[in-house]
Amino acid sequence: MVVEFSMPIIIFVSTFITVFALGFQSLNVNRGQRTAAFVTSFIISAGNIAVLKVIPNGDLLSLNTLAYMLGGPFGIVFSMIAHEKYMPKKKKSFKPSSLVHAKSKATHLMNNRLKNPEKNIHYNPKEFRN
């Protein structure tokens, strides 16, 4: 049987692990890191099992409740710090220069049409060609 004093510590740690893993999982999914997301799911499950097994049915205003509530905020902040430090950064997407050029040309043509609506009544697809 678990000593009564250690119960809040166990509850804090299991909540911390659960929320840490949930935060890490969210960042893994957002960055498309499938393998890390797969592994993190086991950690989430383990933390949830620990919380559900250990949390007693008791008073809401207790040290156990405080430990449970503090594990979450610390877990999420530390997961963000750890993910930033240990996981590879997502590669930046790149735009080919032709797309950038086409966008700026289209913007220029649209601005001209707005300034001189009487001159640009019809759409001319040749205007968008290089």
Protein backbone atom coordinates (compact mmCIF):
# COMPACT_ATOMS: atom_id res chain seq x y z
CA MET A 1 0.00 0.00 0.00
CA VAL A 2 1.21 3.52 -0.79
CA VAL A 3 2.14 5.71 2.18
CA GLU A 4 -0.42 8.55 2.53
CA PHE A 5 2.21 11.33 2.31
CA SER A 6 3.57 10.08 -1.01
CA MET A 7 0.12 10.03 -2.64
CA PRO A 8 0.20 13.74 -3.70
CA ILE A 9 3.67 13.24 -5.19
CA ILE A 10 2.51 10.22 -7.19
CA ILE A 11 -0.58 12.10 -8.37
CA PHE A 12 1.51 15.15 -9.36
CA VAL A 13 4.02 13.01 -11.29
CA SER A 14 1.36 10.96 -13.10
CA THR A 15 -0.57 14.12 -14.07
CA PHE A 16 2.66 15.82 -15.13
CA ILE A 17 3.58 12.83 -17.34
CA THR A 18 0.10 12.71 -18.89
CA VAL A 19 -0.06 16.41 -19.75
CA PHE A 20 3.60 16.50 -20.78
CA ALA A 21 2.94 13.65 -23.21
CA LEU A 22 -0.27 15.26 -24.49
CA GLY A 23 1.57 18.52 -25.23
CA PHE A 24 4.45 16.67 -26.86
CA GLN A 25 1.95 14.61 -28.86
CA SER A 26 0.21 17.74 -30.13
CA LEU A 27 3.49 19.23 -31.31
CA ASN A 28 4.47 15.91 -32.94
CA VAL A 29 1.18 15.75 -34.83
CA ASN A 30 1.37 19.40 -35.90
CA ARG A 31 4.87 18.86 -37.27
CA GLY A 32 4.03 15.56 -38.96
CA GLN A 33 6.40 13.48 -36.80
CA ARG A 34 4.55 10.16 -37.01
CA THR A 35 7.01 7.91 -35.22
CA ALA A 36 7.29 10.26 -32.25
CA ALA A 37 3.48 10.59 -32.15
CA PHE A 38 3.17 6.79 -32.11
CA VAL A 39 5.58 6.43 -29.18
CA THR A 40 4.05 9.35 -27.27
CA SER A 41 0.65 7.63 -27.33
CA PHE A 42 2.01 4.88 -25.06
CA ILE A 43 3.28 7.47 -22.59
CA ILE A 44 -0.12 9.19 -22.56
CA SER A 45 -1.79 5.84 -21.85
CA ALA A 46 0.63 5.02 -19.04
CA GLY A 47 0.12 8.41 -17.42
CA ASN A 48 -3.66 8.10 -17.68
CA ILE A 49 -3.63 4.63 -16.16
CA ALA A 50 -1.52 5.90 -13.26
CA VAL A 51 -3.86 8.84 -12.65
CA LEU A 52 -6.96 6.67 -12.77
CA LYS A 53 -5.47 4.00 -10.50
CA VAL A 54 -4.00 6.36 -7.91
CA ILE A 55 -6.54 9.19 -7.56
CA PRO A 56 -8.73 8.39 -4.60
CA ASN A 57 -12.39 9.29 -4.26
CA GLY A 58 -11.96 12.02 -1.72
CA ASP A 59 -12.27 15.63 -0.76
CA LEU A 60 -11.97 18.18 -3.56
CA LEU A 61 -10.07 20.55 -1.28
CA SER A 62 -7.14 18.30 -0.51
CA LEU A 63 -3.43 18.06 -1.17
CA ASN A 64 -4.16 15.32 -3.72
CA THR A 65 -6.41 17.67 -5.71
CA LEU A 66 -3.78 20.42 -5.59
CA ALA A 67 -1.13 17.97 -6.79
CA TYR A 68 -3.42 16.87 -9.63
CA MET A 69 -4.11 20.47 -10.67
CA LEU A 70 -0.45 21.53 -10.55
CA GLY A 71 0.81 18.59 -12.62
CA GLY A 72 -0.97 19.84 -15.74
CA PRO A 73 0.44 23.38 -16.04
CA PHE A 74 3.97 22.24 -15.28
CA GLY A 75 3.63 19.31 -17.67
CA ILE A 76 2.50 21.39 -20.65
CA VAL A 77 5.18 24.08 -20.23
CA PHE A 78 7.96 21.53 -19.84
CA SER A 79 6.72 19.57 -22.86
CA MET A 80 6.93 22.69 -25.01
CA ILE A 81 10.47 23.40 -23.79
CA ALA A 82 11.58 19.78 -24.30
CA HIS A 83 10.03 19.50 -27.76
CA GLU A 84 11.72 22.70 -28.88
CA LYS A 85 15.06 21.51 -27.53
CA TYR A 86 15.10 17.84 -28.59
CA MET A 87 12.91 17.47 -31.67
CA PRO A 88 14.03 18.49 -35.17
CA LYS A 89 12.55 21.67 -36.54
CA LYS A 90 9.98 21.46 -39.30
CA LYS A 91 11.48 22.25 -42.66
CA LYS A 92 10.40 25.58 -44.05
CA SER A 93 8.32 25.41 -47.17
CA PHE A 94 9.80 27.10 -50.17
CA LYS A 95 8.09 28.97 -52.96
CA PRO A 96 9.55 28.74 -56.43
CA SER A 97 10.43 32.16 -57.75
CA SER A 98 7.98 31.74 -60.65
CA LEU A 99 5.08 31.56 -58.19
CA VAL A 100 6.27 34.67 -56.40
CA HIS A 101 6.64 36.45 -59.73
CA ALA A 102 3.16 35.38 -60.89
CA LYS A 103 1.62 36.55 -57.64
CA SER A 104 3.28 39.97 -57.80
CA LYS A 105 2.32 40.36 -61.47
CA ALA A 106 -1.30 39.44 -60.73
CA THR A 107 -1.37 41.89 -57.83
CA HIS A 108 0.05 44.63 -60.05
CA LEU A 109 -2.57 43.98 -62.76
CA MET A 110 -5.39 43.95 -60.25
CA ASN A 111 -4.23 47.24 -58.75
CA ASN A 112 -4.11 48.80 -62.22
CA ARG A 113 -7.65 47.59 -62.92
CA LEU A 114 -8.88 49.10 -59.69
CA LYS A 115 -7.23 52.45 -60.48
CA ASN A 116 -8.48 52.55 -64.10
CA PRO A 117 -11.69 50.52 -64.32
CA GLU A 118 -12.76 52.11 -67.63
CA LYS A 119 -9.64 50.84 -69.43
CA ASN A 120 -9.80 47.25 -68.16
CA ILE A 121 -13.27 46.00 -68.86
CA HIS A 122 -12.34 42.58 -70.25
CA TYR A 123 -10.10 39.85 -68.86
CA ASN A 124 -7.10 39.11 -71.03
CA PRO A 125 -5.33 35.82 -70.11
CA LYS A 126 -2.22 36.89 -72.04
CA GLU A 127 -1.57 39.52 -69.36
CA PHE A 128 -0.63 36.78 -66.91
CA ARG A 129 1.92 35.06 -69.15
CA ASN A 130 5.63 35.73 -68.77
